[in-house]
Protein backbone atom coordinates (compact mmCIF):
# COMPACT_ATOMS: atom_id res chain seq x y z
CA UNK A 1 101.84 137.09 117.78
CA UNK A 2 102.38 139.62 115.33
CA UNK A 3 105.70 140.71 113.54
CA UNK A 4 106.10 144.10 112.16
CA UNK A 5 108.47 144.25 109.32
CA UNK A 6 110.54 147.36 108.29
CA UNK A 7 113.11 146.25 105.51
CA UNK A 8 115.58 144.04 107.40
CA UNK A 9 114.34 145.33 110.90
CA UNK A 10 111.96 143.28 112.94
CA UNK A 11 110.22 143.63 116.15
CA UNK A 12 107.94 141.26 117.72
CA UNK A 13 104.79 142.28 119.53
CA UNK A 14 103.79 139.42 121.96
CA UNK A 15 100.14 139.13 122.59
CA UNK A 16 100.83 137.89 126.12
CA UNK A 17 101.39 139.24 129.62
CA UNK A 18 105.24 137.81 129.29
CA UNK A 19 107.73 136.69 126.86
CA UNK A 20 110.41 134.27 126.60
CA UNK A 21 112.80 135.38 129.26
CA UNK A 22 113.88 135.54 132.67
CA UNK A 23 110.57 137.28 133.95
CA UNK A 24 110.56 139.82 136.60
CA UNK A 25 109.26 137.28 138.95
CA UNK A 26 112.26 135.06 138.25
CA UNK A 27 110.46 132.55 135.66
CA UNK A 28 111.91 131.18 132.38
CA UNK A 29 110.92 128.69 129.50
CA UNK A 30 110.37 124.75 130.02
CA UNK A 31 110.54 121.53 128.08
CA UNK A 32 108.56 118.22 127.21
CA UNK A 33 108.00 115.10 129.02
CA UNK A 34 107.67 111.98 127.50
CA UNK A 35 105.88 108.74 128.31
CA UNK A 36 107.27 105.17 127.79
CA UNK A 37 108.20 104.39 124.28
CA UNK A 38 108.93 101.03 122.40
CA UNK A 39 112.23 100.00 122.77
CA UNK A 40 114.27 97.48 120.75
CA UNK A 41 118.04 96.91 119.71
CA UNK A 42 118.60 99.18 116.72
CA UNK A 43 118.95 97.60 113.27
CA UNK A 44 121.38 100.24 112.25
CA UNK A 45 121.82 103.84 111.32
CA UNK A 46 118.79 105.99 110.83
CA UNK A 47 119.38 107.46 107.31
CA UNK A 48 117.10 108.88 104.81
CA UNK A 49 116.97 110.90 101.55
CA UNK A 50 113.87 112.88 101.74
CA UNK A 51 113.87 116.10 103.75
CA UNK A 52 110.39 117.49 104.43
CA UNK A 53 111.76 120.55 106.36
CA UNK A 54 115.27 121.77 107.06
CA UNK A 55 115.89 123.61 110.28
CA UNK A 56 119.27 123.83 111.63
CA UNK A 57 120.27 124.32 115.21
CA UNK A 58 119.81 128.10 115.76
CA UNK A 59 121.78 130.55 117.78
CA UNK A 60 120.33 132.17 120.77
CA UNK A 61 120.79 135.57 122.79
CA UNK A 62 120.59 136.99 126.22
CA UNK A 63 119.22 140.27 127.11
CA UNK A 64 120.64 142.02 130.12
CA UNK A 65 118.62 144.58 132.28
CA UNK A 66 120.28 147.63 134.24
CA UNK A 67 119.09 145.84 137.46
CA UNK A 68 121.23 142.76 136.58
CA UNK A 69 118.29 140.75 135.19
CA UNK A 70 118.84 138.40 132.42
CA UNK A 71 116.45 137.29 129.79
CA UNK A 72 117.22 134.14 127.75
CA UNK A 73 116.01 133.64 124.18
CA UNK A 74 116.96 130.35 122.55
CA UNK A 75 118.95 129.31 125.56
CA UNK A 76 119.09 128.72 129.28
CA UNK A 77 119.46 131.24 132.20
CA UNK A 78 122.51 130.79 134.45
CA UNK A 79 121.67 133.30 137.02
CA UNK A 80 121.12 137.15 137.53
CA UNK A 81 122.13 139.99 139.93
CA UNK A 82 118.42 140.90 140.39
CA UNK A 83 117.31 141.53 142.90
CA UNK A 84 120.86 142.30 144.66
CA UNK A 85 121.42 145.92 145.16
CA UNK A 86 124.16 147.61 142.94
CA UNK A 87 126.77 150.23 143.33
CA UNK A 88 126.44 150.96 139.69
CA UNK A 89 123.86 149.74 137.13
CA UNK A 90 124.73 147.07 134.83
CA UNK A 91 125.32 148.33 131.09
CA UNK A 92 126.10 145.21 129.14
CA UNK A 93 126.34 141.49 128.84
CA UNK A 94 128.38 139.21 127.00
CA UNK A 95 128.09 135.39 126.58
CA UNK A 96 131.10 132.77 126.87
CA UNK A 97 131.68 131.75 123.14
CA UNK A 98 131.72 128.18 124.26
CA UNK A 99 128.38 128.38 125.93
CA UNK A 100 127.34 127.83 129.49
CA UNK A 101 128.43 131.36 130.82
CA UNK A 102 128.11 135.12 130.66
CA UNK A 103 129.55 138.30 131.94
CA UNK A 104 127.70 141.32 133.20
CA UNK A 105 129.39 144.61 133.33
CA UNK A 106 128.35 147.70 135.29
CA UNK A 107 129.11 151.47 134.27
CA UNK A 108 132.17 151.48 136.32
CA UNK A 109 133.75 148.38 134.47
CA UNK A 110 133.09 146.12 137.45
CA UNK A 111 132.65 142.62 136.10
CA UNK A 112 130.27 139.91 137.31
CA UNK A 113 130.70 136.17 135.98
CA UNK A 114 128.34 133.43 135.63
CA UNK A 115 128.75 129.82 134.54
CA UNK A 116 132.04 129.14 132.73
CA UNK A 117 132.88 133.05 132.32
CA UNK A 118 136.19 133.70 133.85
CA UNK A 119 137.40 136.94 135.33
CA UNK A 120 140.30 138.73 133.34
CA UNK A 121 140.30 142.25 134.73
CA UNK A 122 138.17 145.10 135.19
CA UNK A 123 138.18 149.02 135.23
CA UNK A 124 136.46 149.00 138.64
CA UNK A 125 139.31 151.04 140.29
CA UNK A 126 140.36 153.15 137.00
CA UNK A 127 139.44 156.66 137.01
CA UNK A 128 137.52 156.62 133.62
CA UNK A 129 137.05 159.84 131.37
CA UNK A 130 133.65 158.21 130.32
CA UNK A 131 131.51 155.35 131.78
CA UNK A 132 131.63 151.89 130.42
CA UNK A 133 128.78 150.96 128.23
CA UNK A 134 129.49 147.76 126.49
CA UNK A 135 131.48 144.44 126.47
CA UNK A 136 132.49 141.69 124.08
CA UNK A 137 134.19 138.39 124.73
CA UNK A 138 137.16 136.83 122.58
CA UNK A 139 136.35 133.53 120.66
CA UNK A 140 137.96 131.30 123.20
CA UNK A 141 136.37 133.26 126.17
CA UNK A 142 139.68 133.84 127.55
CA UNK A 143 139.50 137.69 127.45
CA UNK A 144 137.28 140.46 126.63
CA UNK A 145 136.97 144.06 125.59
CA UNK A 146 134.96 147.00 127.38
CA UNK A 147 133.91 150.12 125.55
CA UNK A 148 133.27 153.57 127.02
CA UNK A 149 130.58 156.09 125.63
CA UNK A 150 133.23 157.83 123.87
CA UNK A 151 134.37 154.64 121.98
CA UNK A 152 137.62 154.26 123.98
CA UNK A 153 138.43 150.56 124.30
CA UNK A 154 139.90 148.66 127.06
CA UNK A 155 141.16 144.99 126.46
CA UNK A 156 141.79 142.24 129.19
CA UNK A 157 143.10 138.69 128.71
CA UNK A 158 143.81 137.63 125.07
CA UNK A 159 141.74 140.50 123.59
CA UNK A 160 143.49 142.57 120.94
CA UNK A 161 143.29 146.29 119.99
CA UNK A 162 142.01 147.18 116.55
CA UNK A 163 140.96 150.77 116.85
CA UNK A 164 138.37 152.96 118.70
CA UNK A 165 136.46 156.30 118.18
CA UNK A 166 137.98 157.76 121.23
CA UNK A 167 139.26 160.69 119.30
CA UNK A 168 136.27 160.94 117.10
CA UNK A 169 133.57 163.52 117.18
CA UNK A 170 130.50 161.35 117.49
CA UNK A 171 126.83 162.31 116.55
CA UNK A 172 125.62 160.05 119.28
CA UNK A 173 127.48 158.38 122.19
CA UNK A 174 128.63 154.61 121.73
CA UNK A 175 126.54 152.30 123.56
CA UNK A 176 127.79 148.95 122.84
CA UNK A 177 130.11 146.58 121.04
CA UNK A 178 130.35 143.15 119.47
CA UNK A 179 133.48 141.08 118.38
CA UNK A 180 133.60 139.09 115.02
CA UNK A 181 133.55 135.33 115.11
CA UNK A 182 137.33 135.14 114.85
CA UNK A 183 138.13 137.91 117.35
CA UNK A 184 140.12 139.87 114.78
CA UNK A 185 137.85 142.63 114.86
CA UNK A 186 134.93 144.23 116.40
CA UNK A 187 131.79 146.66 115.93
CA UNK A 188 130.95 149.53 118.15
CA UNK A 189 127.17 150.88 117.87
CA UNK A 190 125.90 154.28 118.94
CA UNK A 191 122.32 155.09 120.52
CA UNK A 192 121.06 155.81 116.94
CA UNK A 193 122.11 152.40 115.68
CA UNK A 194 125.05 153.75 113.68
CA UNK A 195 127.66 151.20 113.26
CA UNK A 196 131.46 151.66 113.46
CA UNK A 197 133.66 148.67 112.37
CA UNK A 198 137.29 147.81 113.28
CA UNK A 199 139.64 145.01 112.10
CA UNK A 200 137.87 142.42 109.92
CA UNK A 201 134.34 143.48 110.96
CA UNK A 202 131.84 143.93 108.03
CA UNK A 203 129.03 146.26 107.65
CA UNK A 204 125.44 144.35 107.42
CA UNK A 205 123.19 147.40 108.11
CA UNK A 206 122.34 149.80 110.72
CA UNK A 207 119.21 151.68 112.17
CA UNK A 208 121.16 155.10 111.55
CA UNK A 209 118.22 156.14 109.46
CA UNK A 210 115.58 154.68 111.22
CA UNK A 211 112.94 156.39 113.63
CA UNK A 212 113.35 154.57 116.74
CA UNK A 213 110.72 154.22 119.49
CA UNK A 214 113.59 153.78 122.12
CA UNK A 215 117.33 154.14 121.76
CA UNK A 216 119.82 151.47 120.96
CA UNK A 217 121.49 150.06 123.77
CA UNK A 218 123.79 147.12 122.54
CA UNK A 219 124.57 144.73 119.92
CA UNK A 220 125.82 141.00 119.60
CA UNK A 221 127.49 139.20 116.75
CA UNK A 222 125.62 136.04 115.39
CA UNK A 223 127.62 132.87 114.63
CA UNK A 224 125.53 132.49 111.58
CA UNK A 225 126.69 135.98 110.33
CA UNK A 226 125.42 139.44 110.66
CA UNK A 227 124.63 141.04 114.05
CA UNK A 228 121.62 141.95 116.27
CA UNK A 229 120.91 145.44 117.86
CA UNK A 230 118.75 145.88 120.79
CA UNK A 231 116.78 148.88 121.83
CA UNK A 232 116.05 149.79 125.67
CA UNK A 233 112.51 148.51 125.41
CA UNK A 234 113.93 145.14 124.28
CA UNK A 235 112.94 145.60 120.51
CA UNK A 236 115.12 143.48 118.35
CA UNK A 237 116.82 144.41 115.06
CA UNK A 238 118.43 141.66 112.90
CA UNK A 239 120.89 142.23 110.24
CA UNK A 240 122.88 139.95 107.98
CA UNK A 241 122.42 136.11 108.88
CA UNK A 242 121.37 136.98 112.57
CA UNK A 243 117.90 135.08 113.16
CA UNK A 244 114.88 136.59 114.97
CA UNK A 245 114.15 134.61 117.98
CA UNK A 246 111.94 137.09 120.01
CA UNK A 247 112.05 140.13 122.16
CA UNK A 248 110.70 142.00 125.06
CA UNK A 249 109.52 145.02 122.87
CA UNK A 250 105.86 144.84 123.79
CA UNK A 251 106.31 143.22 127.45
CA UNK A 252 109.22 144.95 129.14
CA UNK A 253 110.53 143.91 132.44
CA UNK A 254 110.90 146.07 135.56
CA UNK A 255 114.15 147.76 134.39
CA UNK A 256 115.25 148.69 130.87
CA UNK A 257 117.28 146.28 128.55
CA UNK A 258 120.84 147.60 128.51
CA UNK A 259 122.45 144.79 126.21
CA UNK A 260 122.42 141.71 124.23
CA UNK A 261 124.80 138.76 124.06
CA UNK A 262 124.83 135.84 121.63
CA UNK A 263 124.97 132.17 122.93
CA UNK A 264 127.26 131.28 119.88
CA UNK A 265 125.42 127.86 119.45
CA UNK A 266 122.13 128.10 120.92
CA UNK A 267 121.88 124.95 122.81
CA UNK A 268 119.05 125.18 125.45
CA UNK A 269 120.67 122.83 127.93
CA UNK A 270 124.26 122.82 129.19
CA UNK A 271 126.12 119.81 127.71
CA UNK A 272 126.30 116.94 130.33
CA UNK A 273 123.54 118.39 132.51
CA UNK A 274 121.06 115.85 134.12
CA UNK A 275 117.58 116.87 134.88
CA UNK A 276 114.03 115.37 134.55
CA UNK A 277 110.83 115.78 132.57
CA UNK A 278 107.26 115.86 134.12
CA UNK A 279 103.75 116.24 133.05
CA UNK A 280 100.18 115.29 134.01
CA UNK A 281 101.28 111.82 135.67
CA UNK A 282 102.91 113.82 138.43
CA UNK A 283 99.96 115.87 139.26
CA UNK A 284 99.39 115.44 143.00
CA UNK A 285 102.74 114.35 143.69
CA UNK A 286 105.98 115.71 144.88
CA UNK A 287 107.98 117.37 142.11
CA UNK A 288 111.81 117.12 141.39
CA UNK A 289 114.12 119.78 142.78
CA UNK A 290 113.43 122.91 140.98
CA UNK A 291 115.87 124.92 138.84
CA UNK A 292 117.51 122.32 137.27
CA UNK A 293 119.36 123.20 133.70
CA UNK A 294 117.12 120.25 132.33
CA UNK A 295 113.68 121.02 133.41
CA UNK A 296 111.05 119.86 130.89
CA UNK A 297 107.21 120.22 131.59
CA UNK A 298 104.38 118.72 129.56
CA UNK A 299 101.80 121.23 128.47
CA UNK A 300 99.05 118.72 127.59
CA UNK A 301 97.23 115.95 129.45
CA UNK A 302 98.55 113.11 127.37
CA UNK A 303 96.76 113.84 123.98
CA UNK A 304 96.34 116.58 121.48
CA UNK A 305 93.90 119.46 122.36
CA UNK A 306 94.15 118.73 126.10
CA UNK A 307 95.81 120.92 129.01
CA UNK A 308 97.97 119.46 131.62
CA UNK A 309 95.95 120.42 134.98
CA UNK A 310 99.15 120.94 136.88
CA UNK A 311 101.07 123.04 134.11
CA UNK A 312 101.40 126.18 136.21
CA UNK A 313 102.88 124.57 139.39
CA UNK A 314 104.98 122.28 137.39
CA UNK A 315 106.30 125.17 135.31
CA UNK A 316 106.86 127.35 138.34
CA UNK A 317 108.90 124.33 140.10
CA UNK A 318 111.15 124.36 136.87
CA UNK A 319 112.06 127.74 137.56
CA UNK A 320 114.56 129.72 135.20
CA UNK A 321 115.20 127.04 132.69
CA UNK A 322 111.73 125.90 131.93
CA UNK A 323 111.21 124.07 128.42
CA UNK A 324 108.21 122.28 127.37
CA UNK A 325 106.73 119.39 125.42
CA UNK A 326 103.34 118.88 123.77
CA UNK A 327 101.65 115.82 122.68
CA UNK A 328 100.74 115.30 119.13
CA UNK A 329 98.71 112.57 117.62
CA UNK A 330 96.72 111.53 114.40
CA UNK A 331 94.16 113.70 112.74
CA UNK A 332 90.58 113.13 113.82
CA UNK A 333 89.30 113.02 110.21
CA UNK A 334 86.33 115.52 109.61
CA UNK A 335 86.89 117.58 112.76
CA UNK A 336 86.33 121.29 112.09
CA UNK A 337 89.89 122.06 113.18
CA UNK A 338 91.18 119.71 110.44
CA UNK A 339 88.80 120.70 107.74
CA UNK A 340 90.10 124.31 107.40
CA UNK A 341 93.44 126.00 108.58
CA UNK A 342 96.74 127.02 107.08
CA UNK A 343 96.41 124.28 104.52
CA UNK A 344 93.21 125.63 103.25
CA UNK A 345 89.69 123.84 103.13
CA UNK A 346 90.31 120.23 103.00
CA UNK A 347 88.21 117.46 101.20
CA UNK A 348 86.97 114.74 103.10
CA UNK A 349 89.35 112.22 101.41
CA UNK A 350 92.46 114.62 101.58
CA UNK A 351 94.16 113.32 104.83
CA UNK A 352 97.28 115.12 104.32
CA UNK A 353 95.59 118.46 104.23
CA UNK A 354 93.43 117.46 107.16
CA UNK A 355 96.71 116.43 109.02
CA UNK A 356 98.64 119.47 108.27
CA UNK A 357 95.75 121.92 109.82
CA UNK A 358 95.46 119.58 112.83
CA UNK A 359 99.00 119.70 113.53
CA UNK A 360 99.30 123.34 113.25
CA UNK A 361 96.03 124.21 115.13
CA UNK A 362 97.08 121.57 118.15
CA UNK A 363 100.53 123.17 118.45
CA UNK A 364 99.12 126.78 118.13
CA UNK A 365 96.53 126.01 120.92
CA UNK A 366 99.18 124.62 123.38
CA UNK A 367 101.30 127.75 122.69
CA UNK A 368 98.35 129.96 123.48
CA UNK A 369 97.68 127.91 126.64
CA UNK A 370 101.25 128.27 127.95
CA UNK A 371 101.41 131.94 127.07
CA UNK A 372 98.10 132.50 128.82
CA UNK A 373 99.23 130.79 131.87
CA UNK A 374 102.34 133.28 131.91
CA UNK A 375 104.87 131.17 130.45
CA UNK A 376 106.77 131.83 127.15
CA UNK A 377 109.40 128.96 126.78
CA UNK A 378 111.59 128.78 123.67
CA UNK A 379 112.24 125.09 123.17
CA UNK A 380 109.18 123.02 122.20
CA UNK A 381 109.33 119.33 121.74
CA UNK A 382 106.81 117.36 119.81
CA UNK A 383 106.16 113.99 121.70
CA UNK A 384 105.94 111.62 118.55
CA UNK A 385 105.10 107.88 119.88
CA UNK A 386 102.55 105.15 119.68
CA UNK A 387 102.86 103.71 116.10
CA UNK A 388 100.59 100.70 114.92
CA UNK A 389 101.64 97.71 116.72
CA UNK A 390 102.23 99.57 120.07
CA UNK A 391 100.15 98.95 123.19
CA UNK A 392 98.64 102.39 122.86
CA UNK A 393 98.12 103.44 119.02
CA UNK A 394 98.03 107.06 118.59
CA UNK A 395 98.58 107.35 114.82
CA UNK A 396 97.03 106.15 111.64
CA UNK A 397 98.48 102.97 109.81
CA UNK A 398 99.26 102.20 106.42
CA UNK A 399 101.11 104.29 103.77
CA UNK A 400 98.26 106.94 103.45
CA UNK A 401 97.95 107.12 107.17
CA UNK A 402 101.72 107.54 107.48
CA UNK A 403 101.74 110.31 105.07
CA UNK A 404 99.11 112.13 107.04
CA UNK A 405 100.99 111.70 110.20
CA UNK A 406 103.89 113.28 108.76
CA UNK A 407 101.62 116.19 107.76
CA UNK A 408 100.58 116.43 111.23
CA UNK A 409 104.21 116.48 112.61
CA UNK A 410 104.95 119.23 109.78
CA UNK A 411 101.98 121.25 110.63
CA UNK A 412 103.02 121.30 114.27
CA UNK A 413 106.50 122.32 113.63
CA UNK A 414 105.68 125.13 111.19
CA UNK A 415 103.16 126.52 113.83
CA UNK A 416 105.92 126.65 116.40
CA UNK A 417 108.53 128.30 113.90
CA UNK A 418 105.86 130.71 112.95
CA UNK A 419 105.60 131.80 116.69
CA UNK A 420 109.51 132.18 116.49
CA UNK A 421 110.08 129.08 118.86
CA UNK A 422 112.72 126.26 118.65
CA UNK A 423 110.88 123.13 117.63
CA UNK A 424 112.12 119.55 118.39
CA UNK A 425 111.01 115.76 118.11
CA UNK A 426 110.87 113.25 121.06
CA UNK A 427 110.68 109.73 119.59
CA UNK A 428 112.99 106.72 119.03
CA UNK A 429 114.77 105.20 116.04
CA UNK A 430 112.19 102.51 116.06
CA UNK A 431 108.90 104.22 116.37
CA UNK A 432 109.69 107.23 114.25
CA UNK A 433 109.69 105.37 110.65
CA UNK A 434 106.43 103.20 111.89
CA UNK A 435 104.72 106.36 112.39
CA UNK A 436 106.02 108.60 109.31
CA UNK A 437 106.62 105.84 106.75
CA UNK A 438 109.56 103.39 106.51
CA UNK A 439 111.10 100.78 108.79
CA UNK A 440 113.27 100.95 111.72
CA UNK A 441 116.65 102.32 110.72
CA UNK A 442 115.33 103.36 107.43
CA UNK A 443 113.60 106.79 107.78
CA UNK A 444 111.97 108.45 104.65
CA UNK A 445 110.67 111.80 106.48
CA UNK A 446 113.61 113.74 107.90
CA UNK A 447 114.01 117.19 109.33
CA UNK A 448 117.78 117.84 108.75
CA UNK A 449 119.36 119.59 112.02
CA UNK A 450 116.09 119.72 114.05
CA UNK A 451 116.78 119.00 117.50
CA UNK A 452 115.86 115.62 118.65
CA UNK A 453 115.22 114.00 122.06
CA UNK A 454 116.22 110.27 122.02
CA UNK A 455 113.57 108.41 124.24
CA UNK A 456 114.09 105.59 126.74
CA UNK A 457 117.82 104.79 126.20
CA UNK A 458 119.13 101.52 128.22
CA UNK A 459 122.18 100.73 129.94
CA UNK A 460 124.10 102.41 132.83
CA UNK A 461 124.69 106.11 133.92
CA UNK A 462 128.31 105.92 132.31
CA UNK A 463 126.87 104.91 128.83
CA UNK A 464 124.33 107.35 128.61
CA UNK A 465 126.33 110.01 126.59
CA UNK A 466 127.32 107.27 124.04
CA UNK A 467 123.63 107.42 122.79
CA UNK A 468 124.01 111.14 121.96
CA UNK A 469 126.52 110.25 119.31
CA UNK A 470 125.49 106.60 118.24
CA UNK A 471 123.81 107.11 114.77
CA UNK A 472 122.14 103.90 115.51
CA UNK A 473 119.68 105.55 117.96
CA UNK A 474 119.14 108.83 116.21
CA UNK A 475 116.13 109.54 113.54
CA UNK A 476 114.78 112.19 111.27
CA UNK A 477 118.28 113.13 110.38
CA UNK A 478 118.04 115.49 113.56
CA UNK A 479 120.54 116.68 115.96
CA UNK A 480 120.51 115.06 119.49
CA UNK A 481 119.87 117.55 122.17
CA UNK A 482 118.61 114.98 124.63
CA UNK A 483 118.46 111.62 125.61
CA UNK A 484 115.95 110.09 128.16
CA UNK A 485 115.73 106.96 130.39
CA UNK A 486 112.47 106.05 132.36
CA UNK A 487 112.22 106.56 136.07
CA UNK A 488 112.35 103.46 138.24
CA UNK A 489 115.52 101.98 136.84
CA UNK A 490 118.04 103.29 139.68
CA UNK A 491 119.04 106.40 138.06
CA UNK A 492 119.97 109.54 139.69
CA UNK A 493 116.59 111.06 138.93
CA UNK A 494 114.47 108.12 140.43
CA UNK A 495 111.36 108.29 140.62
CA UNK A 496 111.18 110.96 137.74
CA UNK A 497 112.23 110.26 134.03
CA UNK A 498 115.57 111.39 133.60
CA UNK A 499 117.40 113.42 130.88
CA UNK A 500 120.88 114.09 129.73
CA UNK A 501 121.98 117.23 127.60
CA UNK A 502 124.13 116.02 124.65
CA UNK A 503 127.32 118.10 123.63
CA UNK A 504 126.57 119.99 120.44
């Protein structure tokens, strides 16, 4: 995966057949599966003072195509119009600010809603001077703006009017818009990437003076500040605090991209959704019902540098909401994959150096395998379990070994981040400190804000959401995205391991 930098403008060249999106065949990313983990009553809140790597939950975005196809980056897909025949082509997409929904709009102003996105009106029956080209939602999701190619603004629901370019002589036509986080302003963008701001919208940059491979077709505001612009080939330009998460620039779908929409908070899973995780143990068995919002598939065959022989069929079964997990375990000291790598050439006695290279290379090999199989999920979980004292020891013991274990995990996280992916950790409050150093309830290695998947929670269905917010079950100073219980316990997902998406 190669990034080409031009100032603050970035494109991603993906060396693979597909990218993290809803593909033309209707496929999207997947997430991890985890095996049984040690359980015990928590000793207390898991806290720590040492931050190894800070990584906050990142926002995501959707790209919409003219045939109604939807590509999801850093989030889950909720549906699309493709392959439904359309009266007019789709020209833009806008996401519900609270998450869990989005709108598609056609050039006549016809509105299509998905998830929690509501209908507040359209220009479908209005005689327009110029076609609709863009859309943006209000902060509460109870209204939206439509913009025409001359910059004329149409507001619906609780959307306010802050100005337009309807009477301005434009060098290039308007192609999209985005609203400010407080809804008291908006930006319009022209096909050359020129920016027009109204209300409290600030200026963070443009592509007005950049030679573009393809014209700009849309924009979206990031909740972390700034905005994204997207070109018709899916090339992505980020300005201000907007993070780069991927693009379809080098792997376009069957129809051109026509818009981009921020997910707001970037959660991969809708809050409260219940799903499953499967991997190599399910080879040769029936799979869960496909297409669930929480559909997690293991990439490996139970250990580092292996591959799940059923990954392709399990990923296909997961459908549009595929996310994945990978196995990570202690370094094999002296292995060539450990002795040299991003941390450099390692001495035989330097377990931390070897651990980092091992973790980085193992994660990269898993990414390469998934991409070669035709899948590019955005969220990747590290399965961190099996400390000393468990029935299946996967990690080194002692303080020097725990430091090396932490280096393995750090290397794997960095490899995923270097690929523009969201990394998370699957473990328990009990096992995490035994693997990385510390004691249950007292972590010494932390990743503040990193997504965590809390394994093997007990109790009844009604109690599951409580484990998302109970600090006693958390670890690594992470942000709980998922909790898991093991199959065979009479849960709604039996016989599969079940997973509940936490509210972020």
